[in-house]
Amino acid sequence: MQIIDTQPTPNPNALKFIVNGTFPPGSHAFMSAKEAEKDPLAKEIFALGDVTSVFYMNNFLTVSKTPTGDWNKLRDGIFAAVAKI
């Protein structure tokens, strides 16, 4: 699976990533690395650091970061994590 578009959200600390496929059925929301331990995608994204939440469903993924997190550093890791699906 690949990310085909990135969209801003009303929250400057969150980005929406549109993918060229569909995630497993249902919504998947994680507010901490501990909650994400059993979800390979969310776990890998939290491991990047500065991530505060991961949410995905259908054909999109929304990642929130800390106010000091740097999207330029996080984006590559998010793209790589999604590519493994």
PDB file of N, CA and C in Angstrom:
ATOM      1  N   MET A   1       0.851  -1.171   0.000  1.00  0.00           N
ATOM      2  CA  MET A   1       0.000   0.000   0.000  1.00  0.00           C
ATOM      3  C   MET A   1       0.898   1.235   0.000  1.00  0.00           C
ATOM      4  N   GLN A   2       0.431   2.280  -0.651  1.00  0.00           N
ATOM      5  CA  GLN A   2       1.208   3.517  -0.710  1.00  0.00           C
ATOM      6  C   GLN A   2       0.346   4.713  -0.353  1.00  0.00           C
ATOM      7  N   ILE A   3       0.980   5.715   0.210  1.00  0.00           N
ATOM      8  CA  ILE A   3       0.309   6.984   0.464  1.00  0.00           C
ATOM      9  C   ILE A   3       0.307   7.760  -0.843  1.00  0.00           C
ATOM     10  N   ILE A   4      -0.875   8.217  -1.248  1.00  0.00           N
ATOM     11  CA  ILE A   4      -0.980   8.939  -2.516  1.00  0.00           C
ATOM     12  C   ILE A   4      -1.269  10.424  -2.331  1.00  0.00           C
ATOM     13  N   ASP A   5      -1.615  10.826  -1.114  1.00  0.00           N
ATOM     14  CA  ASP A   5      -1.887  12.241  -0.860  1.00  0.00           C
ATOM     15  C   ASP A   5      -1.763  12.504   0.632  1.00  0.00           C
ATOM     16  N   THR A   6      -1.379  13.702   0.961  1.00  0.00           N
ATOM     17  CA  THR A   6      -1.321  14.157   2.347  1.00  0.00           C
ATOM     18  C   THR A   6      -2.167  15.411   2.436  1.00  0.00           C
ATOM     19  N   GLN A   7      -3.039  15.456   3.446  1.00  0.00           N
ATOM     20  CA  GLN A   7      -3.942  16.594   3.592  1.00  0.00           C
ATOM     21  C   GLN A   7      -3.834  17.179   4.991  1.00  0.00           C
ATOM     22  N   PRO A   8      -3.885  18.498   5.080  1.00  0.00           N
ATOM     23  CA  PRO A   8      -3.896  19.119   6.403  1.00  0.00           C
ATOM     24  C   PRO A   8      -5.236  18.857   7.089  1.00  0.00           C
ATOM     25  N   THR A   9      -5.253  19.028   8.380  1.00  0.00           N
ATOM     26  CA  THR A   9      -6.488  18.935   9.159  1.00  0.00           C
ATOM     27  C   THR A   9      -6.638  20.259   9.911  1.00  0.00           C
ATOM     28  N   PRO A  10      -7.770  20.490  10.534  1.00  0.00           N
ATOM     29  CA  PRO A  10      -7.905  21.719  11.328  1.00  0.00           C
ATOM     30  C   PRO A  10      -6.877  21.805  12.464  1.00  0.00           C
ATOM     31  N   ASN A  11      -6.387  20.658  12.896  1.00  0.00           N
ATOM     32  CA  ASN A  11      -5.367  20.600  13.945  1.00  0.00           C
ATOM     33  C   ASN A  11      -3.989  20.674  13.278  1.00  0.00           C
ATOM     34  N   PRO A  12      -3.197  21.702  13.553  1.00  0.00           N
ATOM     35  CA  PRO A  12      -1.877  21.805  12.912  1.00  0.00           C
ATOM     36  C   PRO A  12      -0.918  20.682  13.307  1.00  0.00           C
ATOM     37  N   ASN A  13      -1.261  19.951  14.356  1.00  0.00           N
ATOM     38  CA  ASN A  13      -0.416  18.843  14.793  1.00  0.00           C
ATOM     39  C   ASN A  13      -0.912  17.497  14.280  1.00  0.00           C
ATOM     40  N   ALA A  14      -1.798  17.512  13.295  1.00  0.00           N
ATOM     41  CA  ALA A  14      -2.312  16.266  12.712  1.00  0.00           C
ATOM     42  C   ALA A  14      -2.306  16.377  11.192  1.00  0.00           C
ATOM     43  N   LEU A  15      -1.973  15.278  10.546  1.00  0.00           N
ATOM     44  CA  LEU A  15      -2.037  15.192   9.087  1.00  0.00           C
ATOM     45  C   LEU A  15      -2.833  13.953   8.700  1.00  0.00           C
ATOM     46  N   LYS A  16      -3.538  14.074   7.595  1.00  0.00           N
ATOM     47  CA  LYS A  16      -4.313  12.965   7.044  1.00  0.00           C
ATOM     48  C   LYS A  16      -3.563  12.438   5.826  1.00  0.00           C
ATOM     49  N   PHE A  17      -3.347  11.141   5.798  1.00  0.00           N
ATOM     50  CA  PHE A  17      -2.642  10.486   4.705  1.00  0.00           C
ATOM     51  C   PHE A  17      -3.636   9.594   3.963  1.00  0.00           C
ATOM     52  N   ILE A  18      -3.804   9.825   2.679  1.00  0.00           N
ATOM     53  CA  ILE A  18      -4.707   9.031   1.848  1.00  0.00           C
ATOM     54  C   ILE A  18      -3.883   7.928   1.188  1.00  0.00           C
ATOM     55  N   VAL A  19      -4.397   6.701   1.225  1.00  0.00           N
ATOM     56  CA  VAL A  19      -3.664   5.567   0.658  1.00  0.00           C
ATOM     57  C   VAL A  19      -4.371   5.028  -0.588  1.00  0.00           C
ATOM     58  N   ASN A  20      -3.639   4.243  -1.359  1.00  0.00           N
ATOM     59  CA  ASN A  20      -4.175   3.695  -2.606  1.00  0.00           C
ATOM     60  C   ASN A  20      -4.834   2.334  -2.411  1.00  0.00           C
ATOM     61  N   GLY A  21      -5.254   2.051  -1.229  1.00  0.00           N
ATOM     62  CA  GLY A  21      -5.918   0.786  -0.925  1.00  0.00           C
ATOM     63  C   GLY A  21      -6.896   1.004   0.208  1.00  0.00           C
ATOM     64  N   THR A  22      -7.244  -0.080   0.867  1.00  0.00           N
ATOM     65  CA  THR A  22      -8.180  -0.001   1.985  1.00  0.00           C
ATOM     66  C   THR A  22      -7.588  -0.731   3.180  1.00  0.00           C
ATOM     67  N   PHE A  23      -7.642  -0.085   4.321  1.00  0.00           N
ATOM     68  CA  PHE A  23      -7.183  -0.710   5.557  1.00  0.00           C
ATOM     69  C   PHE A  23      -8.181  -1.790   5.977  1.00  0.00           C
ATOM     70  N   PRO A  24      -7.793  -2.670   6.897  1.00  0.00           N
ATOM     71  CA  PRO A  24      -8.736  -3.691   7.379  1.00  0.00           C
ATOM     72  C   PRO A  24     -10.036  -3.048   7.870  1.00  0.00           C
ATOM     73  N   PRO A  25     -11.142  -3.781   7.777  1.00  0.00           N
ATOM     74  CA  PRO A  25     -12.448  -3.230   8.158  1.00  0.00           C
ATOM     75  C   PRO A  25     -12.470  -2.643   9.569  1.00  0.00           C
ATOM     76  N   GLY A  26     -13.293  -1.644   9.731  1.00  0.00           N
ATOM     77  CA  GLY A  26     -13.460  -0.999  11.028  1.00  0.00           C
ATOM     78  C   GLY A  26     -12.535   0.187  11.189  1.00  0.00           C
ATOM     79  N   SER A  27     -12.714   0.882  12.295  1.00  0.00           N
ATOM     80  CA  SER A  27     -11.823   2.001  12.601  1.00  0.00           C
ATOM     81  C   SER A  27     -10.821   1.541  13.651  1.00  0.00           C
ATOM     82  N   HIS A  28      -9.628   2.062  13.542  1.00  0.00           N
ATOM     83  CA  HIS A  28      -8.530   1.663  14.414  1.00  0.00           C
ATOM     84  C   HIS A  28      -7.936   2.933  15.013  1.00  0.00           C
ATOM     85  N   ALA A  29      -8.097   3.111  16.314  1.00  0.00           N
ATOM     86  CA  ALA A  29      -7.645   4.328  16.981  1.00  0.00           C
ATOM     87  C   ALA A  29      -6.735   3.974  18.151  1.00  0.00           C
ATOM     88  N   PHE A  30      -5.619   4.672  18.227  1.00  0.00           N
ATOM     89  CA  PHE A  30      -4.627   4.422  19.266  1.00  0.00           C
ATOM     90  C   PHE A  30      -4.148   5.760  19.812  1.00  0.00           C
ATOM     91  N   MET A  31      -4.237   5.907  21.113  1.00  0.00           N
ATOM     92  CA  MET A  31      -3.854   7.162  21.752  1.00  0.00           C
ATOM     93  C   MET A  31      -2.502   7.073  22.460  1.00  0.00           C
ATOM     94  N   SER A  32      -1.866   5.921  22.381  1.00  0.00           N
ATOM     95  CA  SER A  32      -0.555   5.763  23.010  1.00  0.00           C
ATOM     96  C   SER A  32       0.167   4.576  22.381  1.00  0.00           C
ATOM     97  N   ALA A  33       1.466   4.550  22.581  1.00  0.00           N
ATOM     98  CA  ALA A  33       2.256   3.423  22.086  1.00  0.00           C
ATOM     99  C   ALA A  33       1.819   2.128  22.767  1.00  0.00           C
ATOM    100  N   LYS A  34       1.442   2.212  24.026  1.00  0.00           N
ATOM    101  CA  LYS A  34       0.990   1.016  24.748  1.00  0.00           C
ATOM    102  C   LYS A  34      -0.275   0.443  24.107  1.00  0.00           C
ATOM    103  N   GLU A  35      -1.217   1.305  23.755  1.00  0.00           N
ATOM    104  CA  GLU A  35      -2.439   0.838  23.092  1.00  0.00           C
ATOM    105  C   GLU A  35      -2.129   0.202  21.737  1.00  0.00           C
ATOM    106  N   ALA A  36      -1.058   0.646  21.110  1.00  0.00           N
ATOM    107  CA  ALA A  36      -0.723   0.199  19.753  1.00  0.00           C
ATOM    108  C   ALA A  36       0.161  -1.046  19.721  1.00  0.00           C
ATOM    109  N   GLU A  37       0.494  -1.598  20.862  1.00  0.00           N
ATOM    110  CA  GLU A  37       1.446  -2.711  20.918  1.00  0.00           C
ATOM    111  C   GLU A  37       1.095  -3.881  20.003  1.00  0.00           C
ATOM    112  N   LYS A  38      -0.185  -4.171  19.824  1.00  0.00           N
ATOM    113  CA  LYS A  38      -0.583  -5.338  19.031  1.00  0.00           C
ATOM    114  C   LYS A  38      -0.958  -4.989  17.591  1.00  0.00           C
ATOM    115  N   ASP A  39      -0.784  -3.742  17.221  1.00  0.00           N
ATOM    116  CA  ASP A  39      -1.099  -3.306  15.861  1.00  0.00           C
ATOM    117  C   ASP A  39       0.202  -2.911  15.171  1.00  0.00           C
ATOM    118  N   PRO A  40       0.663  -3.702  14.208  1.00  0.00           N
ATOM    119  CA  PRO A  40       1.973  -3.436  13.605  1.00  0.00           C
ATOM    120  C   PRO A  40       2.126  -2.037  13.000  1.00  0.00           C
ATOM    121  N   LEU A  41       1.107  -1.552  12.318  1.00  0.00           N
ATOM    122  CA  LEU A  41       1.208  -0.230  11.691  1.00  0.00           C
ATOM    123  C   LEU A  41       1.305   0.862  12.747  1.00  0.00           C
ATOM    124  N   ALA A  42       0.373   0.888  13.667  1.00  0.00           N
ATOM    125  CA  ALA A  42       0.375   1.924  14.698  1.00  0.00           C
ATOM    126  C   ALA A  42       1.632   1.836  15.562  1.00  0.00           C
ATOM    127  N   LYS A  43       2.051   0.627  15.875  1.00  0.00           N
ATOM    128  CA  LYS A  43       3.254   0.438  16.695  1.00  0.00           C
ATOM    129  C   LYS A  43       4.472   1.057  16.011  1.00  0.00           C
ATOM    130  N   GLU A  44       4.606   0.809  14.721  1.00  0.00           N
ATOM    131  CA  GLU A  44       5.752   1.352  13.989  1.00  0.00           C
ATOM    132  C   GLU A  44       5.700   2.876  13.910  1.00  0.00           C
ATOM    133  N   ILE A  45       4.515   3.417  13.745  1.00  0.00           N
ATOM    134  CA  ILE A  45       4.393   4.878  13.671  1.00  0.00           C
ATOM    135  C   ILE A  45       4.703   5.509  15.028  1.00  0.00           C
ATOM    136  N   PHE A  46       4.199   4.948  16.107  1.00  0.00           N
ATOM    137  CA  PHE A  46       4.523   5.477  17.435  1.00  0.00           C
ATOM    138  C   PHE A  46       6.025   5.394  17.707  1.00  0.00           C
ATOM    139  N   ALA A  47       6.672   4.362  17.196  1.00  0.00           N
ATOM    140  CA  ALA A  47       8.109   4.191  17.426  1.00  0.00           C
ATOM    141  C   ALA A  47       8.942   5.302  16.787  1.00  0.00           C
ATOM    142  N   LEU A  48       8.354   6.058  15.882  1.00  0.00           N
ATOM    143  CA  LEU A  48       9.073   7.171  15.257  1.00  0.00           C
ATOM    144  C   LEU A  48       9.360   8.290  16.255  1.00  0.00           C
ATOM    145  N   GLY A  49       8.586   8.330  17.323  1.00  0.00           N
ATOM    146  CA  GLY A  49       8.737   9.385  18.323  1.00  0.00           C
ATOM    147  C   GLY A  49       7.883  10.590  17.979  1.00  0.00           C
ATOM    148  N   ASP A  50       7.547  11.364  18.979  1.00  0.00           N
ATOM    149  CA  ASP A  50       6.750  12.589  18.829  1.00  0.00           C
ATOM    150  C   ASP A  50       5.347  12.351  18.273  1.00  0.00           C
ATOM    151  N   VAL A  51       4.863  11.116  18.290  1.00  0.00           N
ATOM    152  CA  VAL A  51       3.512  10.797  17.817  1.00  0.00           C
ATOM    153  C   VAL A  51       2.597  10.672  19.032  1.00  0.00           C
ATOM    154  N   THR A  52       1.425  11.312  18.957  1.00  0.00           N
ATOM    155  CA  THR A  52       0.485  11.268  20.081  1.00  0.00           C
ATOM    156  C   THR A  52      -0.750  10.426  19.794  1.00  0.00           C
ATOM    157  N   SER A  53      -1.073  10.211  18.518  1.00  0.00           N
ATOM    158  CA  SER A  53      -2.196   9.335  18.186  1.00  0.00           C
ATOM    159  C   SER A  53      -2.104   8.871  16.740  1.00  0.00           C
ATOM    160  N   VAL A  54      -2.717   7.718  16.516  1.00  0.00           N
ATOM    161  CA  VAL A  54      -2.801   7.127  15.174  1.00  0.00           C
ATOM    162  C   VAL A  54      -4.234   6.643  15.000  1.00  0.00           C
ATOM    163  N   PHE A  55      -4.842   7.017  13.898  1.00  0.00           N
ATOM    164  CA  PHE A  55      -6.206   6.588  13.587  1.00  0.00           C
ATOM    165  C   PHE A  55      -6.243   6.207  12.116  1.00  0.00           C
ATOM    166  N   TYR A  56      -6.819   5.042  11.817  1.00  0.00           N
ATOM    167  CA  TYR A  56      -6.981   4.699  10.408  1.00  0.00           C
ATOM    168  C   TYR A  56      -8.243   3.894  10.171  1.00  0.00           C
ATOM    169  N   MET A  57      -8.776   4.072   8.973  1.00  0.00           N
ATOM    170  CA  MET A  57      -9.944   3.329   8.498  1.00  0.00           C
ATOM    171  C   MET A  57     -10.090   3.587   7.001  1.00  0.00           C
ATOM    172  N   ASN A  58     -10.854   2.753   6.352  1.00  0.00           N
ATOM    173  CA  ASN A  58     -11.108   2.889   4.913  1.00  0.00           C
ATOM    174  C   ASN A  58      -9.813   3.136   4.150  1.00  0.00           C
ATOM    175  N   ASN A  59      -9.682   4.321   3.566  1.00  0.00           N
ATOM    176  CA  ASN A  59      -8.501   4.610   2.748  1.00  0.00           C
ATOM    177  C   ASN A  59      -7.676   5.770   3.299  1.00  0.00           C
ATOM    178  N   PHE A  60      -7.749   6.003   4.608  1.00  0.00           N
ATOM    179  CA  PHE A  60      -6.944   7.096   5.154  1.00  0.00           C
ATOM    180  C   PHE A  60      -6.403   6.774   6.543  1.00  0.00           C
ATOM    181  N   LEU A  61      -5.363   7.498   6.871  1.00  0.00           N
ATOM    182  CA  LEU A  61      -4.657   7.386   8.143  1.00  0.00           C
ATOM    183  C   LEU A  61      -4.454   8.806   8.652  1.00  0.00           C
ATOM    184  N   THR A  62      -4.762   9.049   9.909  1.00  0.00           N
ATOM    185  CA  THR A  62      -4.483  10.353  10.506  1.00  0.00           C
ATOM    186  C   THR A  62      -3.503  10.153  11.648  1.00  0.00           C
ATOM    187  N   VAL A  63      -2.441  10.922  11.611  1.00  0.00           N
ATOM    188  CA  VAL A  63      -1.412  10.857  12.646  1.00  0.00           C
ATOM    189  C   VAL A  63      -1.328  12.225  13.306  1.00  0.00           C
ATOM    190  N   SER A  64      -1.301  12.219  14.630  1.00  0.00           N
ATOM    191  CA  SER A  64      -1.102  13.451  15.392  1.00  0.00           C
ATOM    192  C   SER A  64       0.264  13.391  16.056  1.00  0.00           C
ATOM    193  N   LYS A  65       0.886  14.544  16.156  1.00  0.00           N
ATOM    194  CA  LYS A  65       2.230  14.636  16.727  1.00  0.00           C
ATOM    195  C   LYS A  65       2.246  15.630  17.878  1.00  0.00           C
ATOM    196  N   THR A  66       3.333  15.639  18.613  1.00  0.00           N
ATOM    197  CA  THR A  66       3.515  16.638  19.656  1.00  0.00           C
ATOM    198  C   THR A  66       3.727  18.002  19.000  1.00  0.00           C
ATOM    199  N   PRO A  67       3.502  19.081  19.729  1.00  0.00           N
ATOM    200  CA  PRO A  67       3.734  20.407  19.140  1.00  0.00           C
ATOM    201  C   PRO A  67       5.176  20.622  18.669  1.00  0.00           C
ATOM    202  N   THR A  68       6.110  19.924  19.274  1.00  0.00           N
ATOM    203  CA  THR A  68       7.514  20.084  18.872  1.00  0.00           C
ATOM    204  C   THR A  68       7.951  19.063  17.824  1.00  0.00           C
ATOM    205  N   GLY A  69       7.089  18.123  17.497  1.00  0.00           N
ATOM    206  CA  GLY A  69       7.417  17.131  16.471  1.00  0.00           C
ATOM    207  C   GLY A  69       7.577  17.791  15.107  1.00  0.00           C
ATOM    208  N   ASP A  70       8.383  17.186  14.265  1.00  0.00           N
ATOM    209  CA  ASP A  70       8.699  17.747  12.950  1.00  0.00           C
ATOM    210  C   ASP A  70       8.127  16.847  11.856  1.00  0.00           C
ATOM    211  N   TRP A  71       7.150  17.363  11.112  1.00  0.00           N
ATOM    212  CA  TRP A  71       6.544  16.567  10.045  1.00  0.00           C
ATOM    213  C   TRP A  71       7.575  16.124   9.018  1.00  0.00           C
ATOM    214  N   ASN A  72       8.566  16.944   8.763  1.00  0.00           N
ATOM    215  CA  ASN A  72       9.586  16.567   7.780  1.00  0.00           C
ATOM    216  C   ASN A  72      10.315  15.297   8.204  1.00  0.00           C
ATOM    217  N   LYS A  73      10.494  15.109   9.494  1.00  0.00           N
ATOM    218  CA  LYS A  73      11.165  13.905   9.994  1.00  0.00           C
ATOM    219  C   LYS A  73      10.199  12.724  10.093  1.00  0.00           C
ATOM    220  N   LEU A  74       8.955  12.988  10.434  1.00  0.00           N
ATOM    221  CA  LEU A  74       7.979  11.913  10.627  1.00  0.00           C
ATOM    222  C   LEU A  74       7.447  11.340   9.313  1.00  0.00           C
ATOM    223  N   ARG A  75       7.291  12.183   8.311  1.00  0.00           N
ATOM    224  CA  ARG A  75       6.663  11.751   7.051  1.00  0.00           C
ATOM    225  C   ARG A  75       7.318  10.514   6.446  1.00  0.00           C
ATOM    226  N   ASP A  76       8.633  10.516   6.342  1.00  0.00           N
ATOM    227  CA  ASP A  76       9.317   9.379   5.712  1.00  0.00           C
ATOM    228  C   ASP A  76       9.026   8.077   6.446  1.00  0.00           C
ATOM    229  N   GLY A  77       9.027   8.130   7.769  1.00  0.00           N
ATOM    230  CA  GLY A  77       8.740   6.935   8.554  1.00  0.00           C
ATOM    231  C   GLY A  77       7.306   6.466   8.393  1.00  0.00           C
ATOM    232  N   ILE A  78       6.383   7.412   8.300  1.00  0.00           N
ATOM    233  CA  ILE A  78       4.973   7.061   8.102  1.00  0.00           C
ATOM    234  C   ILE A  78       4.793   6.425   6.725  1.00  0.00           C
ATOM    235  N   PHE A  79       5.413   7.014   5.710  1.00  0.00           N
ATOM    236  CA  PHE A  79       5.337   6.446   4.357  1.00  0.00           C
ATOM    237  C   PHE A  79       5.904   5.025   4.348  1.00  0.00           C
ATOM    238  N   ALA A  80       7.023   4.820   5.025  1.00  0.00           N
ATOM    239  CA  ALA A  80       7.655   3.494   5.061  1.00  0.00           C
ATOM    240  C   ALA A  80       6.775   2.482   5.792  1.00  0.00           C
ATOM    241  N   ALA A  81       6.157   2.897   6.887  1.00  0.00           N
ATOM    242  CA  ALA A  81       5.296   1.985   7.651  1.00  0.00           C
ATOM    243  C   ALA A  81       4.097   1.545   6.812  1.00  0.00           C
ATOM    244  N   VAL A  82       3.490   2.475   6.111  1.00  0.00           N
ATOM    245  CA  VAL A  82       2.331   2.145   5.274  1.00  0.00           C
ATOM    246  C   VAL A  82       2.750   1.244   4.111  1.00  0.00           C
ATOM    247  N   ALA A  83       3.924   1.455   3.575  1.00  0.00           N
ATOM    248  CA  ALA A  83       4.393   0.655   2.439  1.00  0.00           C
ATOM    249  C   ALA A  83       4.555  -0.820   2.796  1.00  0.00           C
ATOM    250  N   LYS A  84       4.695  -1.134   4.070  1.00  0.00           N
ATOM    251  CA  LYS A  84       4.864  -2.528   4.506  1.00  0.00           C
ATOM    252  C   LYS A  84       3.550  -3.303   4.544  1.00  0.00           C
ATOM    253  N   ILE A  85       2.451  -2.606   4.409  1.00  0.00           N
ATOM    254  CA  ILE A  85       1.138  -3.274   4.491  1.00  0.00           C
ATOM    255  C   ILE A  85       0.816  -3.938   3.162  1.00  0.00           C
TER     256      ILE A  85
END
